[in-house]
Amino acid sequence: MSRAQGMAGEELAAQYCSNNGYSILERNFRSAYGEIDIIAKKKDVISFIEVKQRAVFWHDPTELVPFAKQQKIGAAARYYIAHHYDACISYQFDVMLISNGSIMHIPDAFRLNDE
């Protein structure tokens, strides 16, 4: 997949968030620990969102985020929270799958071992 296709998919995901009551806090957040595609907030919960694109919907989109990637996202999320919020803020890890312009959003798609 080209970088342009990836950016277009992330744009669709960000628009979906905006249309569904989320405030976009960051896009393509990078730290020494990893990257998070979208960081959004709805009510009092921060969502760290991993965006994936495929030609067809996968039977379980969470399988598209392997354990090692989950760990990187988690480390980057901890870094973000430590530098922007009180450590007591509620957060979750979401997956958004983009396929032919359709979006499958899975809130709280995975949890880290230390949660």
C-alpha atoms as a PDB file:
ATOM      1  CA  MET A   1       0.000   0.000   0.000  1.00  0.00           C
ATOM      2  CA  SER A   2       1.311   3.424  -0.898  1.00  0.00           C
ATOM      3  CA  ARG A   3       1.818   6.214   1.621  1.00  0.00           C
ATOM      4  CA  ALA A   4      -0.920   8.214  -0.166  1.00  0.00           C
ATOM      5  CA  GLN A   5      -3.387   5.329   0.301  1.00  0.00           C
ATOM      6  CA  GLY A   6      -2.418   5.088   3.965  1.00  0.00           C
ATOM      7  CA  MET A   7      -2.948   8.799   4.467  1.00  0.00           C
ATOM      8  CA  ALA A   8      -6.334   8.619   2.705  1.00  0.00           C
ATOM      9  CA  GLY A   9      -7.411   5.789   5.007  1.00  0.00           C
ATOM     10  CA  GLU A  10      -6.309   7.699   8.089  1.00  0.00           C
ATOM     11  CA  GLU A  11      -8.213  10.738   6.812  1.00  0.00           C
ATOM     12  CA  LEU A  12     -11.386   8.608   6.522  1.00  0.00           C
ATOM     13  CA  ALA A  13     -10.834   7.313  10.053  1.00  0.00           C
ATOM     14  CA  ALA A  14     -10.322  10.835  11.420  1.00  0.00           C
ATOM     15  CA  GLN A  15     -13.483  12.016   9.674  1.00  0.00           C
ATOM     16  CA  TYR A  16     -15.371   9.056  11.141  1.00  0.00           C
ATOM     17  CA  CYS A  17     -14.142  10.063  14.605  1.00  0.00           C
ATOM     18  CA  SER A  18     -15.200  13.672  14.121  1.00  0.00           C
ATOM     19  CA  ASN A  19     -18.633  12.597  12.863  1.00  0.00           C
ATOM     20  CA  ASN A  20     -19.117  10.327  15.885  1.00  0.00           C
ATOM     21  CA  GLY A  21     -18.421  12.716  18.737  1.00  0.00           C
ATOM     22  CA  TYR A  22     -14.665  12.372  19.093  1.00  0.00           C
ATOM     23  CA  SER A  23     -12.257  15.291  19.276  1.00  0.00           C
ATOM     24  CA  ILE A  24      -9.042  14.596  17.392  1.00  0.00           C
ATOM     25  CA  LEU A  25      -6.094  15.352  19.674  1.00  0.00           C
ATOM     26  CA  GLU A  26      -3.229  14.106  17.495  1.00  0.00           C
ATOM     27  CA  ARG A  27      -2.627  12.398  14.189  1.00  0.00           C
ATOM     28  CA  ASN A  28       0.472  10.345  13.439  1.00  0.00           C
ATOM     29  CA  PHE A  29       1.834  10.886  16.940  1.00  0.00           C
ATOM     30  CA  ARG A  30       5.430   9.701  17.105  1.00  0.00           C
ATOM     31  CA  SER A  31       7.637   9.041  20.077  1.00  0.00           C
ATOM     32  CA  ALA A  32      10.786   7.045  20.637  1.00  0.00           C
ATOM     33  CA  TYR A  33       8.476   4.149  21.563  1.00  0.00           C
ATOM     34  CA  GLY A  34       6.353   4.019  18.419  1.00  0.00           C
ATOM     35  CA  GLU A  35       3.621   5.699  16.404  1.00  0.00           C
ATOM     36  CA  ILE A  36      -0.088   6.078  17.031  1.00  0.00           C
ATOM     37  CA  ASP A  37      -2.232   6.811  13.987  1.00  0.00           C
ATOM     38  CA  ILE A  38      -4.950   8.801  15.755  1.00  0.00           C
ATOM     39  CA  ILE A  39      -5.401   9.970  19.330  1.00  0.00           C
ATOM     40  CA  ALA A  40      -8.965  11.072  19.984  1.00  0.00           C
ATOM     41  CA  LYS A  41     -11.100  11.914  22.981  1.00  0.00           C
ATOM     42  CA  LYS A  42     -14.794  11.249  23.551  1.00  0.00           C
ATOM     43  CA  LYS A  43     -16.258  12.369  26.837  1.00  0.00           C
ATOM     44  CA  ASP A  44     -13.564  11.499  29.399  1.00  0.00           C
ATOM     45  CA  VAL A  45     -11.883   8.644  27.503  1.00  0.00           C
ATOM     46  CA  ILE A  46      -8.804   8.890  25.306  1.00  0.00           C
ATOM     47  CA  SER A  47      -8.755   6.457  22.362  1.00  0.00           C
ATOM     48  CA  PHE A  48      -5.441   5.441  20.843  1.00  0.00           C
ATOM     49  CA  ILE A  49      -6.515   4.299  17.394  1.00  0.00           C
ATOM     50  CA  GLU A  50      -4.637   1.980  15.042  1.00  0.00           C
ATOM     51  CA  VAL A  51      -5.908   2.304  11.463  1.00  0.00           C
ATOM     52  CA  LYS A  52      -5.591  -0.648   9.087  1.00  0.00           C
ATOM     53  CA  GLN A  53      -6.612  -0.898   5.454  1.00  0.00           C
ATOM     54  CA  ARG A  54      -7.439  -4.064   3.576  1.00  0.00           C
ATOM     55  CA  ALA A  55      -9.182  -4.961   0.333  1.00  0.00           C
ATOM     56  CA  VAL A  56     -11.791  -6.939   2.287  1.00  0.00           C
ATOM     57  CA  PHE A  57     -12.860  -6.896   5.932  1.00  0.00           C
ATOM     58  CA  TRP A  58     -10.895  -9.353   8.014  1.00  0.00           C
ATOM     59  CA  HIS A  59     -12.903 -11.706  10.193  1.00  0.00           C
ATOM     60  CA  ASP A  60     -11.150 -10.323  13.271  1.00  0.00           C
ATOM     61  CA  PRO A  61      -9.469  -6.938  12.707  1.00  0.00           C
ATOM     62  CA  THR A  62      -7.728  -7.149  16.075  1.00  0.00           C
ATOM     63  CA  GLU A  63      -5.567  -9.920  14.570  1.00  0.00           C
ATOM     64  CA  LEU A  64      -4.098  -7.204  12.347  1.00  0.00           C
ATOM     65  CA  VAL A  65      -2.405  -5.688  15.397  1.00  0.00           C
ATOM     66  CA  PRO A  66       0.060  -8.304  16.605  1.00  0.00           C
ATOM     67  CA  PHE A  67       1.289  -8.416  20.193  1.00  0.00           C
ATOM     68  CA  ALA A  68       4.570  -6.605  19.422  1.00  0.00           C
ATOM     69  CA  LYS A  69       2.655  -3.745  17.740  1.00  0.00           C
ATOM     70  CA  GLN A  70       0.263  -3.569  20.694  1.00  0.00           C
ATOM     71  CA  GLN A  71       3.253  -3.200  23.012  1.00  0.00           C
ATOM     72  CA  LYS A  72       4.677  -0.334  20.918  1.00  0.00           C
ATOM     73  CA  ILE A  73       1.328   1.446  20.804  1.00  0.00           C
ATOM     74  CA  GLY A  74       1.005   0.968  24.566  1.00  0.00           C
ATOM     75  CA  ALA A  75       4.447   2.425  25.250  1.00  0.00           C
ATOM     76  CA  ALA A  76       3.745   5.410  23.005  1.00  0.00           C
ATOM     77  CA  ALA A  77       0.355   5.883  24.720  1.00  0.00           C
ATOM     78  CA  ARG A  78       1.971   5.873  28.173  1.00  0.00           C
ATOM     79  CA  TYR A  79       4.467   8.460  26.971  1.00  0.00           C
ATOM     80  CA  TYR A  80       1.669  10.620  25.560  1.00  0.00           C
ATOM     81  CA  ILE A  81      -0.384  10.422  28.759  1.00  0.00           C
ATOM     82  CA  ALA A  82       2.639  11.199  30.944  1.00  0.00           C
ATOM     83  CA  HIS A  83       3.311  14.375  28.958  1.00  0.00           C
ATOM     84  CA  HIS A  84      -0.277  15.576  28.448  1.00  0.00           C
ATOM     85  CA  TYR A  85      -2.579  14.276  31.183  1.00  0.00           C
ATOM     86  CA  ASP A  86      -2.956  13.140  34.744  1.00  0.00           C
ATOM     87  CA  ALA A  87      -1.979   9.472  34.956  1.00  0.00           C
ATOM     88  CA  CYS A  88      -5.531   8.673  36.133  1.00  0.00           C
ATOM     89  CA  ILE A  89      -7.150   9.480  32.764  1.00  0.00           C
ATOM     90  CA  SER A  90      -9.230   6.694  31.213  1.00  0.00           C
ATOM     91  CA  TYR A  91      -7.975   5.357  27.906  1.00  0.00           C
ATOM     92  CA  GLN A  92      -8.476   2.509  25.491  1.00  0.00           C
ATOM     93  CA  PHE A  93      -6.943   1.026  22.367  1.00  0.00           C
ATOM     94  CA  ASP A  94      -9.179   0.973  19.293  1.00  0.00           C
ATOM     95  CA  VAL A  95      -8.755  -0.553  15.845  1.00  0.00           C
ATOM     96  CA  MET A  96     -10.347   0.907  12.722  1.00  0.00           C
ATOM     97  CA  LEU A  97     -10.372  -1.179   9.593  1.00  0.00           C
ATOM     98  CA  ILE A  98     -10.911   0.641   6.300  1.00  0.00           C
ATOM     99  CA  SER A  99     -12.075  -1.403   3.326  1.00  0.00           C
ATOM    100  CA  ASN A 100     -13.350   0.107   0.085  1.00  0.00           C
ATOM    101  CA  GLY A 101     -14.459   3.278   1.874  1.00  0.00           C
ATOM    102  CA  SER A 102     -16.272   1.404   4.656  1.00  0.00           C
ATOM    103  CA  ILE A 103     -15.133   1.579   8.264  1.00  0.00           C
ATOM    104  CA  MET A 104     -15.279  -1.061  10.977  1.00  0.00           C
ATOM    105  CA  HIS A 105     -14.533   0.528  14.367  1.00  0.00           C
ATOM    106  CA  ILE A 106     -13.663  -1.727  17.272  1.00  0.00           C
ATOM    107  CA  PRO A 107     -13.466   0.300  20.493  1.00  0.00           C
ATOM    108  CA  ASP A 108     -11.312  -1.169  23.276  1.00  0.00           C
ATOM    109  CA  ALA A 109      -9.996  -3.762  20.810  1.00  0.00           C
ATOM    110  CA  PHE A 110      -7.103  -4.907  22.971  1.00  0.00           C
ATOM    111  CA  ARG A 111      -5.666  -4.468  26.426  1.00  0.00           C
ATOM    112  CA  LEU A 112      -2.118  -4.585  27.625  1.00  0.00           C
ATOM    113  CA  ASN A 113      -0.939  -7.072  30.247  1.00  0.00           C
ATOM    114  CA  ASP A 114      -0.320  -4.379  32.853  1.00  0.00           C
ATOM    115  CA  GLU A 115      -3.825  -2.857  32.663  1.00  0.00           C
END
